[in-house]
N, C-alpha and C. Protein backbone atom coordinates (compact mmCIF):
# COMPACT_ATOMS: atom_id res chain seq x y z
N MET A 1 -11.35 6.33 18.05
CA MET A 1 -12.34 5.39 17.60
C MET A 1 -12.53 4.35 18.69
N VAL A 2 -13.74 4.08 19.03
CA VAL A 2 -14.07 3.09 20.04
C VAL A 2 -14.52 1.83 19.33
N ILE A 3 -13.92 0.72 19.69
CA ILE A 3 -14.29 -0.55 19.08
C ILE A 3 -15.11 -1.33 20.09
N VAL A 4 -16.33 -1.61 19.70
CA VAL A 4 -17.24 -2.35 20.55
C VAL A 4 -17.45 -3.69 19.88
N SER A 5 -17.52 -4.75 20.69
CA SER A 5 -17.72 -6.05 20.08
C SER A 5 -19.07 -6.07 19.40
N GLY A 6 -19.07 -6.53 18.21
CA GLY A 6 -20.29 -6.58 17.41
C GLY A 6 -19.91 -6.65 15.95
N THR A 7 -20.78 -7.16 15.17
CA THR A 7 -20.48 -7.40 13.77
C THR A 7 -20.23 -6.12 13.00
N ARG A 8 -21.11 -5.14 13.15
CA ARG A 8 -20.99 -3.92 12.34
C ARG A 8 -19.72 -3.16 12.68
N ASN A 9 -19.45 -2.94 13.96
CA ASN A 9 -18.26 -2.18 14.34
C ASN A 9 -16.98 -2.92 13.97
N THR A 10 -16.98 -4.21 14.12
CA THR A 10 -15.80 -5.00 13.76
C THR A 10 -15.56 -4.93 12.26
N ASN A 11 -16.63 -5.07 11.48
CA ASN A 11 -16.49 -4.99 10.02
C ASN A 11 -16.02 -3.61 9.59
N ASP A 12 -16.56 -2.57 10.21
CA ASP A 12 -16.13 -1.21 9.88
C ASP A 12 -14.64 -1.02 10.16
N PHE A 13 -14.20 -1.57 11.29
CA PHE A 13 -12.80 -1.45 11.67
C PHE A 13 -11.90 -2.15 10.65
N TYR A 14 -12.25 -3.38 10.28
CA TYR A 14 -11.43 -4.11 9.32
C TYR A 14 -11.47 -3.48 7.94
N ASN A 15 -12.61 -2.93 7.55
CA ASN A 15 -12.69 -2.23 6.26
C ASN A 15 -11.79 -0.99 6.26
N LEU A 16 -11.76 -0.29 7.39
CA LEU A 16 -10.88 0.87 7.50
C LEU A 16 -9.41 0.45 7.38
N LEU A 17 -9.05 -0.64 8.06
CA LEU A 17 -7.68 -1.14 7.97
C LEU A 17 -7.32 -1.52 6.53
N LEU A 18 -8.24 -2.17 5.84
CA LEU A 18 -7.98 -2.54 4.45
C LEU A 18 -7.77 -1.32 3.57
N ARG A 19 -8.58 -0.28 3.77
CA ARG A 19 -8.43 0.93 2.97
C ARG A 19 -7.11 1.62 3.25
N LEU A 20 -6.65 1.56 4.50
CA LEU A 20 -5.41 2.24 4.84
C LEU A 20 -4.17 1.48 4.36
N TYR A 21 -4.19 0.15 4.48
CA TYR A 21 -2.98 -0.63 4.22
C TYR A 21 -2.93 -1.29 2.85
N GLN A 22 -4.01 -1.27 2.11
CA GLN A 22 -4.00 -1.90 0.81
C GLN A 22 -3.01 -1.25 -0.16
N PRO A 23 -2.93 0.09 -0.22
CA PRO A 23 -1.93 0.68 -1.14
C PRO A 23 -0.50 0.27 -0.79
N ALA A 24 -0.18 0.21 0.49
CA ALA A 24 1.17 -0.19 0.90
C ALA A 24 1.43 -1.64 0.53
N ALA A 25 0.44 -2.49 0.69
CA ALA A 25 0.59 -3.90 0.35
C ALA A 25 0.83 -4.07 -1.15
N LYS A 26 0.16 -3.28 -1.96
CA LYS A 26 0.37 -3.36 -3.41
C LYS A 26 1.81 -3.00 -3.77
N ILE A 27 2.33 -1.96 -3.14
CA ILE A 27 3.70 -1.53 -3.42
C ILE A 27 4.69 -2.61 -3.00
N LEU A 28 4.45 -3.22 -1.82
CA LEU A 28 5.35 -4.27 -1.34
C LEU A 28 5.31 -5.49 -2.25
N ASN A 29 4.19 -5.73 -2.89
CA ASN A 29 4.07 -6.87 -3.80
C ASN A 29 4.57 -6.56 -5.20
N GLY A 30 5.06 -5.35 -5.42
CA GLY A 30 5.64 -5.01 -6.71
C GLY A 30 4.71 -4.27 -7.65
N ASP A 31 3.49 -3.97 -7.23
CA ASP A 31 2.56 -3.24 -8.09
C ASP A 31 2.79 -1.76 -7.89
N VAL A 32 3.58 -1.16 -8.75
CA VAL A 32 3.93 0.25 -8.61
C VAL A 32 3.24 1.11 -9.65
N ALA A 33 2.15 0.61 -10.24
CA ALA A 33 1.45 1.36 -11.28
C ALA A 33 0.86 2.66 -10.73
N GLY A 34 0.50 2.68 -9.46
CA GLY A 34 -0.12 3.87 -8.88
C GLY A 34 0.88 4.91 -8.41
N LEU A 35 2.13 4.60 -8.47
CA LEU A 35 3.15 5.54 -8.02
C LEU A 35 3.43 6.58 -9.10
N PRO A 36 3.78 7.78 -8.68
CA PRO A 36 4.12 8.79 -9.69
C PRO A 36 5.44 8.44 -10.38
N ASP A 37 5.52 8.76 -11.66
CA ASP A 37 6.75 8.50 -12.41
C ASP A 37 7.79 9.54 -12.03
N LEU A 38 8.93 9.06 -11.60
CA LEU A 38 10.02 9.96 -11.24
C LEU A 38 11.17 9.76 -12.22
N ASP A 39 11.86 10.83 -12.46
CA ASP A 39 13.00 10.79 -13.36
C ASP A 39 14.11 9.95 -12.73
N THR A 40 14.79 9.18 -13.55
CA THR A 40 15.87 8.33 -13.06
C THR A 40 16.98 9.15 -12.41
N LYS A 41 17.25 10.32 -12.96
CA LYS A 41 18.29 11.18 -12.38
C LYS A 41 17.88 11.66 -10.99
N GLU A 42 16.60 11.99 -10.83
CA GLU A 42 16.12 12.43 -9.52
C GLU A 42 16.24 11.31 -8.50
N LEU A 43 15.87 10.09 -8.92
CA LEU A 43 15.97 8.95 -8.02
C LEU A 43 17.42 8.65 -7.64
N ALA A 44 18.32 8.74 -8.61
CA ALA A 44 19.74 8.50 -8.33
C ALA A 44 20.28 9.55 -7.37
N LYS A 45 19.87 10.80 -7.58
CA LYS A 45 20.32 11.89 -6.70
C LYS A 45 19.82 11.68 -5.28
N GLU A 46 18.55 11.32 -5.14
CA GLU A 46 17.98 11.08 -3.82
C GLU A 46 18.63 9.86 -3.17
N ASN A 47 18.91 8.84 -3.96
CA ASN A 47 19.56 7.64 -3.45
C ASN A 47 20.95 7.96 -2.89
N GLU A 48 21.71 8.75 -3.61
CA GLU A 48 23.05 9.15 -3.15
C GLU A 48 22.96 9.96 -1.86
N LYS A 49 21.98 10.85 -1.80
CA LYS A 49 21.80 11.66 -0.59
C LYS A 49 21.49 10.77 0.61
N LEU A 50 20.62 9.80 0.42
CA LEU A 50 20.26 8.90 1.51
C LEU A 50 21.45 8.02 1.93
N LYS A 51 22.23 7.57 0.95
CA LYS A 51 23.42 6.78 1.28
C LYS A 51 24.41 7.60 2.09
N THR A 52 24.57 8.87 1.73
CA THR A 52 25.47 9.76 2.47
C THR A 52 25.00 9.95 3.90
N LEU A 53 23.70 10.19 4.06
CA LEU A 53 23.15 10.36 5.41
C LEU A 53 23.33 9.11 6.25
N LEU A 54 23.11 7.95 5.64
CA LEU A 54 23.27 6.70 6.38
C LEU A 54 24.73 6.48 6.77
N GLY A 55 25.63 6.78 5.85
CA GLY A 55 27.06 6.64 6.15
C GLY A 55 27.49 7.56 7.28
N GLU A 56 27.01 8.79 7.26
CA GLU A 56 27.34 9.74 8.33
C GLU A 56 26.80 9.27 9.67
N LYS A 57 25.59 8.72 9.66
CA LYS A 57 24.99 8.22 10.90
C LYS A 57 25.80 7.05 11.45
N ASP A 58 26.19 6.13 10.57
CA ASP A 58 26.99 4.99 11.01
C ASP A 58 28.35 5.43 11.55
N LEU A 59 28.96 6.41 10.91
CA LEU A 59 30.24 6.93 11.36
C LEU A 59 30.10 7.58 12.74
N GLU A 60 29.04 8.36 12.91
CA GLU A 60 28.79 9.01 14.20
C GLU A 60 28.61 7.98 15.32
N ILE A 61 27.87 6.92 15.04
CA ILE A 61 27.66 5.87 16.03
C ILE A 61 28.98 5.20 16.38
N ALA A 62 29.81 4.92 15.39
CA ALA A 62 31.10 4.29 15.64
C ALA A 62 31.99 5.19 16.50
N ILE A 63 31.99 6.48 16.21
CA ILE A 63 32.81 7.42 17.00
C ILE A 63 32.32 7.46 18.44
N LEU A 64 31.01 7.52 18.64
CA LEU A 64 30.46 7.56 19.99
C LEU A 64 30.76 6.28 20.77
N ARG A 65 30.71 5.14 20.09
CA ARG A 65 31.05 3.87 20.76
C ARG A 65 32.51 3.83 21.15
N ASP A 66 33.39 4.37 20.30
CA ASP A 66 34.81 4.42 20.64
C ASP A 66 35.04 5.30 21.86
N LEU A 67 34.34 6.43 21.93
CA LEU A 67 34.47 7.31 23.10
C LEU A 67 34.02 6.61 24.37
N ILE A 68 32.92 5.91 24.28
CA ILE A 68 32.42 5.19 25.46
C ILE A 68 33.42 4.11 25.86
N LYS A 69 33.97 3.43 24.85
CA LYS A 69 34.92 2.36 25.14
C LYS A 69 36.15 2.90 25.87
N LYS A 70 36.61 4.09 25.49
CA LYS A 70 37.80 4.66 26.10
C LYS A 70 37.54 5.24 27.48
N LYS A 71 36.41 5.92 27.65
CA LYS A 71 36.15 6.61 28.90
C LYS A 71 35.40 5.77 29.92
N ASN A 72 34.46 4.94 29.46
CA ASN A 72 33.63 4.14 30.36
C ASN A 72 33.47 2.73 29.81
N PRO A 73 34.48 1.90 29.93
CA PRO A 73 34.41 0.57 29.32
C PRO A 73 33.27 -0.30 29.89
N HIS A 74 32.87 -0.03 31.12
CA HIS A 74 31.81 -0.84 31.73
C HIS A 74 30.45 -0.57 31.07
N LEU A 75 30.29 0.54 30.39
CA LEU A 75 29.03 0.84 29.70
C LEU A 75 28.94 0.18 28.33
N LEU A 76 30.05 -0.29 27.79
CA LEU A 76 30.06 -0.84 26.45
C LEU A 76 29.23 -2.11 26.35
N LYS A 77 29.17 -2.91 27.41
CA LYS A 77 28.41 -4.17 27.33
C LYS A 77 26.92 -3.90 27.12
N ASN A 78 26.41 -2.72 27.51
CA ASN A 78 25.00 -2.40 27.32
C ASN A 78 24.69 -2.03 25.88
N LEU A 79 25.69 -1.66 25.08
CA LEU A 79 25.47 -1.22 23.70
C LEU A 79 25.35 -2.37 22.72
N LYS A 80 25.84 -3.53 23.07
CA LYS A 80 25.87 -4.66 22.13
C LYS A 80 24.55 -5.35 22.01
């Protein structure tokens, strides 16, 4: 999309942005009426899965930092 200075093109651009980001803004403001209803058990299951993935990622990062600390201590200052 090419944006040229001018009223019509600028208005079209901002209208497009509003159409794209308005649903996300509603969700962030707590308006979840447009969201599909999900079963509480499904949400809990997905939440546990995501927590597990996050925990594994954090553990992997900690292990890699320990390896760097042991083998190349001069590189550790770049990680902080």
